[in-house]
Protein backbone atom coordinates (compact mmCIF):
# COMPACT_ATOMS: atom_id res chain seq x y z
CA MET A 1 -1.50 41.71 -4.01
CA ALA A 2 -1.52 37.96 -3.35
CA GLU A 3 0.97 35.84 -5.24
CA SER A 4 -0.64 33.91 -8.10
CA PHE A 5 0.05 30.46 -9.62
CA ASP A 6 -1.48 28.58 -12.53
CA VAL A 7 -1.87 25.47 -10.35
CA VAL A 8 -1.67 25.03 -6.59
CA VAL A 9 -1.35 21.52 -5.17
CA ILE A 10 -2.29 20.96 -1.53
CA GLY A 11 -0.30 18.05 -0.11
CA SER A 12 3.10 16.70 -1.13
CA GLY A 13 2.60 12.95 -0.90
CA PRO A 14 3.04 10.73 -3.98
CA GLY A 15 -0.03 12.18 -5.67
CA GLY A 16 0.71 15.77 -4.72
CA TYR A 17 4.36 16.00 -5.70
CA ALA A 18 3.78 13.99 -8.89
CA ALA A 19 0.95 16.31 -9.92
CA ALA A 20 3.02 19.40 -9.14
CA ILE A 21 5.99 18.19 -11.19
CA ARG A 22 3.84 17.12 -14.14
CA CYS A 23 2.04 20.49 -14.18
CA ALA A 24 5.40 22.28 -14.16
CA GLN A 25 6.65 20.07 -17.00
CA ARG A 26 3.61 21.18 -18.98
CA GLY A 27 4.56 24.82 -18.57
CA ALA A 28 2.44 25.88 -15.60
CA SER A 29 3.59 28.00 -12.67
CA VAL A 30 3.07 25.73 -9.66
CA ALA A 31 3.08 25.85 -5.87
CA VAL A 32 2.76 22.89 -3.52
CA ILE A 33 1.61 23.47 0.07
CA GLU A 34 2.63 20.98 2.78
CA LYS A 35 1.58 21.24 6.43
CA GLU A 36 4.05 18.66 7.77
CA PHE A 37 6.75 16.75 5.84
CA ILE A 38 7.52 16.64 2.13
CA GLY A 39 6.58 13.18 0.84
CA GLY A 40 3.42 12.77 2.90
CA THR A 41 2.41 9.56 4.64
CA CYS A 42 4.08 7.24 2.11
CA LEU A 43 7.59 8.59 2.59
CA ASN A 44 7.45 9.59 6.25
CA CYS A 45 5.19 7.13 8.08
CA GLY A 46 4.03 4.57 5.53
CA CYS A 47 5.57 2.83 2.52
CA ILE A 48 9.24 3.71 2.91
CA PRO A 49 9.78 3.31 6.68
CA SER A 50 7.69 0.12 6.81
CA LYS A 51 9.55 -1.45 3.88
CA THR A 52 12.88 -0.47 5.46
CA LEU A 53 11.91 -2.24 8.69
CA LEU A 54 10.63 -5.21 6.67
CA ALA A 55 14.00 -5.40 4.91
CA SER A 56 15.78 -5.63 8.27
CA ALA A 57 13.31 -8.27 9.42
CA HIS A 58 13.81 -10.27 6.22
CA THR A 59 17.58 -10.11 6.60
CA LEU A 60 17.30 -11.39 10.18
CA LEU A 61 15.15 -14.33 9.06
CA LEU A 62 17.57 -15.18 6.26
CA ILE A 63 20.46 -15.28 8.72
CA LYS A 64 18.48 -17.44 11.13
CA HIS A 65 17.88 -19.91 8.29
CA ALA A 66 21.44 -19.73 6.96
CA ALA A 67 22.27 -23.26 8.14
CA MET A 68 19.81 -24.61 5.55
CA MET A 69 22.00 -22.96 2.89
CA GLY A 70 25.18 -24.49 4.28
CA ILE A 71 26.27 -21.31 6.08
CA ASP A 72 27.10 -21.53 9.79
CA VAL A 73 26.23 -18.38 11.76
CA SER A 74 26.72 -18.53 15.50
CA SER A 75 23.94 -16.10 16.38
CA ALA A 76 21.76 -13.36 14.98
CA THR A 77 20.00 -10.73 17.04
CA ALA A 78 18.22 -7.50 16.20
CA ASN A 79 20.02 -4.29 17.17
CA TRP A 80 16.82 -2.26 17.32
CA PRO A 81 18.37 1.20 17.82
CA LYS A 82 20.51 0.66 14.69
CA ILE A 83 17.51 -0.65 12.74
CA GLN A 84 15.49 2.43 13.70
CA ALA A 85 18.42 4.75 12.95
CA ARG A 86 18.80 3.22 9.49
CA LYS A 87 15.08 3.62 8.84
CA ASP A 88 15.24 7.29 9.87
CA ALA A 89 18.28 7.85 7.66
CA VAL A 90 16.54 6.28 4.67
CA VAL A 91 13.46 8.46 5.18
CA GLY A 92 15.55 11.59 5.75
CA GLY A 93 17.62 10.97 2.63
CA PHE A 94 14.58 10.53 0.42
CA ARG A 95 12.86 13.57 1.96
CA LYS A 96 15.88 15.75 1.21
CA GLY A 97 16.18 14.35 -2.30
CA LEU A 98 12.48 14.81 -3.04
CA THR A 99 12.56 18.42 -1.81
CA GLY A 100 15.44 19.12 -4.16
CA LEU A 101 13.66 17.37 -7.04
CA ILE A 102 10.50 19.44 -6.61
CA LYS A 103 12.51 22.67 -6.48
CA SER A 104 14.51 21.64 -9.55
CA HIS A 105 11.28 21.84 -11.53
CA GLU A 106 10.81 25.42 -10.28
CA VAL A 107 7.84 24.41 -8.15
CA THR A 108 7.41 26.70 -5.14
CA ILE A 109 7.14 24.82 -1.82
CA ILE A 110 5.07 26.61 0.81
CA PRO A 111 4.99 25.14 4.35
CA GLY A 112 1.74 25.56 6.26
CA ARG A 113 -1.90 24.50 6.57
CA ALA A 114 -3.89 25.37 3.48
CA VAL A 115 -7.56 26.30 3.49
CA VAL A 116 -9.34 26.87 0.20
CA THR A 117 -11.66 29.84 0.73
CA ALA A 118 -12.94 30.05 -2.88
CA PRO A 119 -12.27 28.11 -6.13
CA ASN A 120 -9.19 30.28 -6.77
CA GLN A 121 -8.30 31.57 -3.29
CA ILE A 122 -6.17 29.80 -0.69
CA LYS A 123 -5.34 30.90 2.85
CA ILE A 124 -2.16 29.43 4.33
CA GLU A 125 -1.62 29.30 8.07
CA THR A 126 2.14 29.36 8.77
CA ASP A 127 4.35 29.47 11.86
CA THR A 128 4.53 33.23 11.39
CA ALA A 129 1.84 35.29 9.70
CA PRO A 130 -0.94 33.82 7.54
CA MET A 131 -0.71 34.42 3.81
CA GLN A 132 -3.02 34.40 0.81
CA ILE A 133 -2.33 33.07 -2.68
CA GLN A 134 -4.36 32.83 -5.85
CA ALA A 135 -4.67 29.72 -8.01
CA GLY A 136 -5.91 29.21 -11.55
CA LYS A 137 -6.56 25.55 -10.73
CA ILE A 138 -6.33 23.60 -7.47
CA ILE A 139 -5.43 19.95 -6.93
CA LEU A 140 -6.37 18.54 -3.51
CA ALA A 141 -3.96 15.77 -2.47
CA THR A 142 -4.50 15.85 1.27
CA GLY A 143 -4.05 12.15 1.98
CA SER A 144 -5.51 9.94 4.70
CA GLN A 145 -5.17 8.90 8.32
CA PRO A 146 -5.63 5.60 10.21
CA SER A 147 -9.24 4.74 11.00
CA GLN A 148 -10.17 4.37 14.66
CA ILE A 149 -12.52 1.95 16.38
CA PRO A 150 -14.75 4.24 18.49
CA ALA A 151 -14.81 1.85 21.45
CA ILE A 152 -11.01 1.43 21.32
CA PRO A 153 -9.59 4.91 20.61
CA PHE A 154 -5.91 5.53 20.03
CA ASP A 155 -3.92 6.69 23.05
CA GLY A 156 -0.49 6.71 21.39
CA GLN A 157 0.98 4.41 24.05
CA THR A 158 -0.92 1.14 24.39
CA VAL A 159 -3.59 1.42 21.69
CA ILE A 160 -1.69 2.66 18.66
CA SER A 161 -1.88 3.23 14.92
CA SER A 162 0.64 2.17 12.29
CA LYS A 163 2.38 5.52 12.71
CA GLU A 164 3.43 4.75 16.29
CA ALA A 165 4.21 1.14 15.36
CA LEU A 166 7.02 2.39 13.11
CA THR A 167 8.75 4.37 15.85
CA PHE A 168 8.92 2.09 18.92
CA GLN A 169 11.92 2.79 21.11
CA GLN A 170 12.04 -0.87 22.09
CA ILE A 171 10.78 -4.08 20.53
CA PRO A 172 7.54 -4.96 22.34
CA LYS A 173 7.31 -8.37 23.96
CA SER A 174 3.75 -8.92 22.73
CA MET A 175 1.30 -7.30 20.35
CA VAL A 176 -2.30 -7.80 19.26
CA ILE A 177 -3.07 -6.46 15.81
CA ILE A 178 -6.73 -5.68 15.18
CA GLY A 179 -7.23 -6.07 11.44
CA GLY A 180 -5.70 -8.62 9.07
CA GLY A 181 -5.42 -6.40 6.03
CA VAL A 182 -2.32 -5.11 4.29
CA ILE A 183 -0.88 -2.89 7.03
CA GLY A 184 -1.72 -5.26 9.88
CA CYS A 185 -0.10 -8.24 8.17
CA GLU A 186 3.03 -6.32 7.21
CA MET A 187 3.46 -5.08 10.79
CA ALA A 188 2.93 -8.63 12.04
CA CYS A 189 5.83 -9.83 9.89
CA ILE A 190 8.18 -7.09 11.11
CA TYR A 191 7.64 -7.71 14.78
CA ALA A 192 7.28 -11.49 14.68
CA ALA A 193 10.72 -11.61 13.02
CA MET A 194 12.07 -9.40 15.80
CA GLY A 195 10.78 -11.77 18.49
CA THR A 196 7.48 -10.14 19.46
CA LYS A 197 4.64 -12.54 20.26
CA VAL A 198 2.07 -11.43 17.69
CA ALA A 199 -1.64 -12.21 17.38
CA ILE A 200 -3.85 -10.93 14.56
CA VAL A 201 -7.61 -10.58 15.03
CA GLU A 202 -9.57 -10.34 11.78
CA ALA A 203 -13.36 -9.97 11.72
CA LEU A 204 -13.76 -11.42 8.23
CA SER A 205 -13.23 -15.03 7.17
CA ARG A 206 -9.55 -14.75 6.16
CA LEU A 207 -6.43 -12.63 6.26
CA ILE A 208 -5.96 -10.19 3.35
CA PRO A 209 -9.73 -10.43 2.69
CA MET A 210 -9.59 -8.42 -0.55
CA GLU A 211 -7.81 -11.31 -2.24
CA ASP A 212 -8.90 -14.88 -3.05
CA GLN A 213 -9.54 -17.35 -0.26
CA TRP A 214 -6.52 -19.47 -1.20
CA VAL A 215 -4.28 -16.45 -0.57
CA GLY A 216 -5.63 -15.97 2.95
CA ARG A 217 -5.26 -19.65 3.78
CA LEU A 218 -1.68 -19.77 2.50
CA ILE A 219 -0.67 -16.63 4.38
CA GLU A 220 -2.27 -17.85 7.62
CA ARG A 221 -0.30 -21.10 7.32
CA GLU A 222 3.00 -19.29 6.71
CA PHE A 223 2.31 -16.81 9.52
CA LYS A 224 1.95 -19.72 11.92
CA LYS A 225 5.50 -20.75 11.03
CA LEU A 226 6.62 -17.24 12.04
CA GLY A 227 4.86 -17.64 15.39
CA ILE A 228 1.91 -15.39 14.47
CA ASP A 229 -1.47 -16.49 15.85
CA SER A 230 -4.40 -15.67 13.56
CA HIS A 231 -7.88 -15.33 15.05
CA ILE A 232 -10.13 -15.33 11.99
CA GLY A 233 -13.83 -14.43 12.02
CA GLN A 234 -13.41 -12.74 15.39
CA LYS A 235 -13.98 -9.23 16.70
CA VAL A 236 -12.39 -7.48 19.67
CA THR A 237 -15.07 -6.51 22.17
CA SER A 238 -12.90 -4.56 24.61
CA VAL A 239 -9.36 -3.62 25.62
CA ASP A 240 -8.59 -3.35 29.34
CA LYS A 241 -5.59 -1.05 29.85
CA THR A 242 -5.77 -0.81 33.64
CA GLY A 243 -2.90 -3.26 34.05
CA THR A 244 0.27 -4.14 32.19
CA PRO A 245 0.09 -5.89 29.80
CA ALA A 246 -3.31 -4.87 28.44
CA LYS A 247 -6.06 -7.47 28.12
CA VAL A 248 -7.73 -7.81 24.73
CA VAL A 249 -11.10 -9.60 24.91
CA LEU A 250 -12.51 -11.34 21.82
CA GLU A 251 -16.19 -11.95 21.14
CA ASP A 252 -15.79 -15.68 21.86
CA GLY A 253 -14.67 -14.75 25.37
CA GLN A 254 -10.98 -15.44 24.82
CA THR A 255 -8.56 -12.95 26.41
CA ILE A 256 -5.15 -12.16 24.92
CA GLU A 257 -2.54 -10.19 26.87
CA ALA A 258 -0.48 -7.70 24.91
CA GLU A 259 1.99 -4.93 25.60
CA LYS A 260 0.80 -3.09 22.47
CA VAL A 261 -2.54 -3.11 20.65
CA LEU A 262 -2.21 -2.01 17.03
CA VAL A 263 -5.51 -0.97 15.46
CA SER A 264 -5.20 -1.49 11.72
CA VAL A 265 -8.72 -1.41 10.26
CA GLY A 266 -8.11 0.78 7.25
CA ARG A 267 -7.59 4.46 6.50
CA ARG A 268 -9.88 7.44 6.03
CA ALA A 269 -9.46 10.38 3.72
CA VAL A 270 -8.33 13.65 5.31
CA VAL A 271 -10.00 16.77 3.92
CA ASP A 272 -10.06 20.15 5.64
CA GLU A 273 -13.60 20.91 6.85
CA GLU A 274 -13.25 24.61 6.06
CA THR A 275 -12.31 23.73 2.49
CA ILE A 276 -15.29 21.38 2.19
CA ASP A 277 -17.64 24.11 3.39
CA ALA A 278 -16.11 26.91 1.31
CA LEU A 279 -16.29 24.90 -1.92
CA ASN A 280 -19.47 23.00 -1.01
CA LEU A 281 -17.63 19.84 -2.02
CA GLN A 282 -19.62 16.71 -2.70
CA MET A 283 -18.29 13.89 -0.52
CA ASN A 284 -18.39 10.08 -0.38
CA ASP A 285 -18.30 9.60 3.38
CA SER A 286 -14.92 11.15 4.31
CA ALA A 287 -13.58 11.12 0.74
CA ILE A 288 -13.97 13.74 -1.99
CA ALA A 289 -16.29 12.76 -4.84
CA VAL A 290 -14.67 13.09 -8.28
CA ASN A 291 -15.51 12.13 -11.84
CA GLU A 292 -13.33 10.09 -14.22
CA LYS A 293 -11.30 13.23 -14.97
CA LEU A 294 -10.60 13.66 -11.23
CA GLU A 295 -12.71 16.85 -11.20
CA THR A 296 -14.68 17.73 -8.08
CA ASN A 297 -18.04 19.48 -8.28
CA ALA A 298 -16.21 22.80 -7.69
CA PRO A 299 -15.04 24.29 -11.02
CA GLY A 300 -11.26 24.16 -11.48
CA VAL A 301 -10.73 22.00 -8.40
CA TYR A 302 -9.37 18.44 -8.74
CA ALA A 303 -8.73 15.76 -6.10
CA ILE A 304 -6.43 12.72 -6.13
CA GLY A 305 -4.88 9.99 -4.00
CA ASP A 306 -6.13 8.93 -0.60
CA ALA A 307 -8.30 12.07 -0.43
CA VAL A 308 -10.62 10.45 -2.99
CA GLY A 309 -10.44 7.02 -1.33
CA THR A 310 -10.03 4.93 -4.48
CA THR A 311 -6.91 2.78 -4.10
CA PHE A 312 -5.08 3.98 -0.96
CA LEU A 313 -1.93 3.09 -2.91
CA ALA A 314 0.99 5.38 -3.71
CA HIS A 315 1.13 4.16 -7.30
CA GLY A 316 -2.64 4.66 -7.52
CA ALA A 317 -2.05 8.27 -6.52
CA PHE A 318 0.67 8.54 -9.18
CA ALA A 319 -1.82 7.39 -11.82
CA GLU A 320 -4.44 9.88 -10.65
CA ALA A 321 -1.86 12.67 -10.46
CA GLU A 322 -1.03 12.15 -14.13
CA VAL A 323 -4.68 12.57 -15.14
CA ALA A 324 -5.42 15.54 -12.87
CA ALA A 325 -2.22 17.36 -13.85
CA VAL A 326 -2.87 17.00 -17.56
CA ASN A 327 -6.47 18.15 -17.17
CA ALA A 328 -5.52 21.07 -14.93
CA THR A 329 -3.16 22.29 -17.64
CA GLY A 330 -5.52 22.12 -20.59
CA GLY A 331 -5.60 18.41 -21.41
CA ASP A 332 -8.44 15.93 -21.54
CA GLU A 333 -7.65 12.59 -19.90
CA LYS A 334 -9.64 10.04 -17.94
CA ILE A 335 -8.53 7.65 -15.23
CA ALA A 336 -7.80 4.13 -16.45
CA ASP A 337 -9.37 0.92 -15.18
CA TYR A 338 -8.60 0.82 -11.44
CA SER A 339 -8.39 -2.98 -11.48
CA LEU A 340 -5.26 -2.64 -13.63
CA ILE A 341 -3.41 -0.82 -10.85
CA PRO A 342 -1.45 -3.65 -9.17
CA ARG A 343 -1.99 -4.50 -5.51
CA ALA A 344 1.11 -5.37 -3.48
CA VAL A 345 1.58 -6.66 0.07
CA TYR A 346 5.13 -6.97 1.44
CA THR A 347 4.54 -9.82 3.86
CA PHE A 348 6.61 -13.01 4.27
CA PRO A 349 5.84 -14.31 1.65
CA GLU A 350 4.82 -11.40 -0.57
CA ILE A 351 1.38 -11.05 -2.17
CA ALA A 352 0.57 -9.27 -5.42
CA SER A 353 -2.33 -9.16 -7.86
CA VAL A 354 -3.62 -7.26 -10.85
CA GLY A 355 -6.83 -7.37 -12.84
CA LYS A 356 -9.71 -9.61 -11.77
CA ASN A 357 -9.23 -12.38 -9.26
CA GLU A 358 -10.74 -15.84 -9.42
CA GLU A 359 -13.57 -15.27 -6.94
CA ALA A 360 -14.66 -12.00 -8.54
CA CYS A 361 -14.80 -13.66 -11.96
CA LYS A 362 -16.93 -16.53 -10.68
CA ASN A 363 -19.28 -14.13 -8.87
CA GLN A 364 -19.67 -12.12 -12.07
CA GLY A 365 -20.40 -15.18 -14.18
CA PHE A 366 -17.25 -15.19 -16.30
CA ASP A 367 -16.34 -18.38 -18.17
CA ILE A 368 -12.72 -18.73 -17.06
CA SER A 369 -9.76 -21.06 -16.99
CA ILE A 370 -7.16 -20.94 -14.22
CA GLY A 371 -3.46 -21.49 -14.81
CA ARG A 372 -1.25 -22.38 -11.85
CA SER A 373 2.47 -22.61 -11.26
CA PHE A 374 4.40 -23.23 -8.05
CA PHE A 375 7.59 -21.67 -6.75
CA LYS A 376 8.71 -25.06 -5.39
CA ALA A 377 9.05 -26.26 -8.99
CA ASN A 378 11.19 -23.29 -10.03
CA GLY A 379 14.96 -23.77 -10.22
CA ARG A 380 16.03 -20.41 -8.87
CA SER A 381 13.42 -20.43 -6.10
CA VAL A 382 14.72 -23.78 -4.91
CA ALA A 383 18.32 -22.56 -5.17
CA HIS A 384 17.46 -19.60 -2.96
CA ASN A 385 15.38 -21.72 -0.56
CA GLU A 386 12.31 -19.53 -1.23
CA THR A 387 9.85 -22.16 -2.39
CA VAL A 388 6.61 -21.07 -0.73
CA GLY A 389 3.67 -19.98 -2.85
CA GLU A 390 2.19 -20.06 -6.31
CA ILE A 391 0.93 -17.90 -9.16
CA ARG A 392 -2.59 -18.18 -10.55
CA VAL A 393 -3.59 -16.70 -13.89
CA VAL A 394 -7.20 -16.09 -14.96
CA ARG A 395 -8.07 -16.52 -18.64
CA ASP A 396 -11.39 -15.30 -20.06
CA ASN A 397 -12.43 -18.20 -22.30
CA SER A 398 -14.77 -16.02 -24.35
CA THR A 399 -11.99 -13.64 -25.46
CA ASN A 400 -9.00 -15.96 -24.92
CA LYS A 401 -7.24 -13.14 -23.02
CA ILE A 402 -5.59 -12.98 -19.60
CA ILE A 403 -7.77 -10.85 -17.31
CA GLY A 404 -6.15 -11.35 -13.90
CA VAL A 405 -3.05 -12.57 -12.07
CA THR A 406 -2.62 -13.31 -8.36
CA MET A 407 0.65 -14.42 -6.84
CA VAL A 408 2.03 -15.32 -3.42
CA GLY A 409 5.75 -15.87 -3.06
CA ALA A 410 9.20 -14.32 -2.99
CA MET A 411 9.58 -11.36 -5.36
CA ALA A 412 5.83 -11.30 -6.12
CA THR A 413 5.71 -7.52 -5.77
CA GLU A 414 8.46 -7.23 -8.38
CA LEU A 415 6.86 -9.70 -10.78
CA ILE A 416 3.42 -8.10 -10.77
CA GLY A 417 4.50 -5.27 -13.08
CA ALA A 418 5.32 -7.84 -15.77
CA ALA A 419 1.98 -9.53 -15.12
CA ARG A 420 0.19 -6.22 -15.72
CA ALA A 421 1.75 -6.05 -19.17
CA LEU A 422 0.17 -9.43 -19.99
CA ILE A 423 -3.40 -8.38 -19.10
CA GLY A 424 -5.43 -8.20 -22.29
CA SER A 425 -2.43 -9.08 -24.45
CA THR A 426 -2.88 -11.29 -27.50
CA GLU A 427 0.84 -12.00 -27.80
CA LYS A 428 1.55 -15.68 -27.44
CA ILE A 429 3.29 -16.34 -24.13
CA THR A 430 5.18 -19.22 -25.76
CA GLU A 431 6.87 -16.67 -28.00
CA ILE A 432 8.11 -14.52 -25.08
CA SER A 433 11.49 -15.62 -23.77
CA PHE A 434 12.00 -15.58 -20.00
CA PRO A 435 15.63 -16.02 -18.87
CA HIS A 436 16.46 -19.28 -17.13
CA PRO A 437 16.82 -19.83 -14.28
CA THR A 438 14.74 -16.94 -12.93
CA VAL A 439 11.80 -16.63 -10.59
CA SER A 440 9.93 -14.91 -13.44
CA GLU A 441 9.54 -18.31 -15.09
CA VAL A 442 6.84 -19.12 -12.51
CA LEU A 443 4.73 -16.39 -14.13
CA LYS A 444 5.33 -17.76 -17.62
CA GLU A 445 4.40 -21.28 -16.52
CA ALA A 446 1.14 -20.06 -14.92
CA VAL A 447 0.16 -18.15 -18.08
CA GLU A 448 0.99 -21.14 -20.28
CA ASP A 449 -1.01 -23.36 -17.94
CA ALA A 450 -4.05 -21.09 -18.35
CA PHE A 451 -3.90 -21.95 -22.07
CA GLY A 452 -3.11 -25.63 -21.50
CA LEU A 453 0.41 -25.17 -22.84
CA SER A 454 2.58 -25.60 -19.75
CA LEU A 455 5.75 -27.59 -20.37
CA HIS A 456 6.44 -28.28 -16.70
CA ASN A 457 2.97 -29.03 -15.32
CA PRO A 458 1.34 -32.44 -15.81
CA PRO A 459 -1.59 -32.48 -18.27
CA LYS A 460 -4.87 -31.10 -16.96
CA ALA A 461 -7.48 -33.74 -16.16
């Protein structure tokens, strides 16, 4: 007889392992099935390795600018093998720790490829013999993969995805990045800091096109200081790989030579076709269609994370895992407002936002006021020589509440959690004490400015 579990989670990325642990905490017997590495894309070839490389790149830039801080350093060069070894050690350590954490909650880990053959039946293809298990409820957390451009397919050598870009044996001399979104811009920062000649080609009118226009303009300006060329409003028409380096041709006829061509035009949900057919799952393009309770159209089957294509963020998957896990174990929860899940980009400088941005509010006809505060006017930012950027706060004049915050600058990804707590709050910002001197005071000043109460901005006209 096949082994049986109350809940079976397919995929062990942020959504999958979080859902498995929460179900176990609520008293369910749980198994999680993983076909590759515990931790999924985020831990193994996404968030953690990219941020580890970014940390090395940031350190290198700080050392190169040490003279501005009164510190004389004779030279600073990247020891790429050591940087890669450190990244691998960080990933390996977290993978081992996460495996132990999952097991500590008495969750059974089953390696293999899972195929759902019926709402409560799962076939697992392993390195040895296939096995069958039964599930009271199923949570699909199967993740995503990089999207390809059909005319410029990945070859793993010259035309690559972000996965290969994290594992180069040597620092490339030149790179063209197709796509100026989150992943493309983060990769540009890593390799520009390491000395690679980087060019970004973005088809839309600005870098980081999901954010306000001022963000894209500011980032493009700062990227230029890093030696990154930005080709905005351009498409790549072809890539000629017959010679070395490859020749990347833009629609305006310009040709850029590059040793590597990183295609970074988004990600697509990964869902097993046999599972789709067996459950007759309703789909939104490549993603699984779900309701606000994260239920699919198949009874007892839930889906979360990149597989449903909502946020493509690890913390978005965490939020969905919470809802699906509670509902799969007898609860009744709904997913919160997706706009309140912060967005974070770990570029130089960092970008972060939460709630509604300025352009969206204007397009939707909101009566708003904008508060602004600049890092160059902040004591600690100046002390640390990290003065680039600003914070903008959106106030809904009809309700007198903060409805959105966008920030570009050092530590923005750390500050955005505090900004989320201010969304919709009626607490007077003047009554909240921010320690001085801290970078967090830039956020306070921007919120005060949205209400016309800023102490350190000149009066509004």
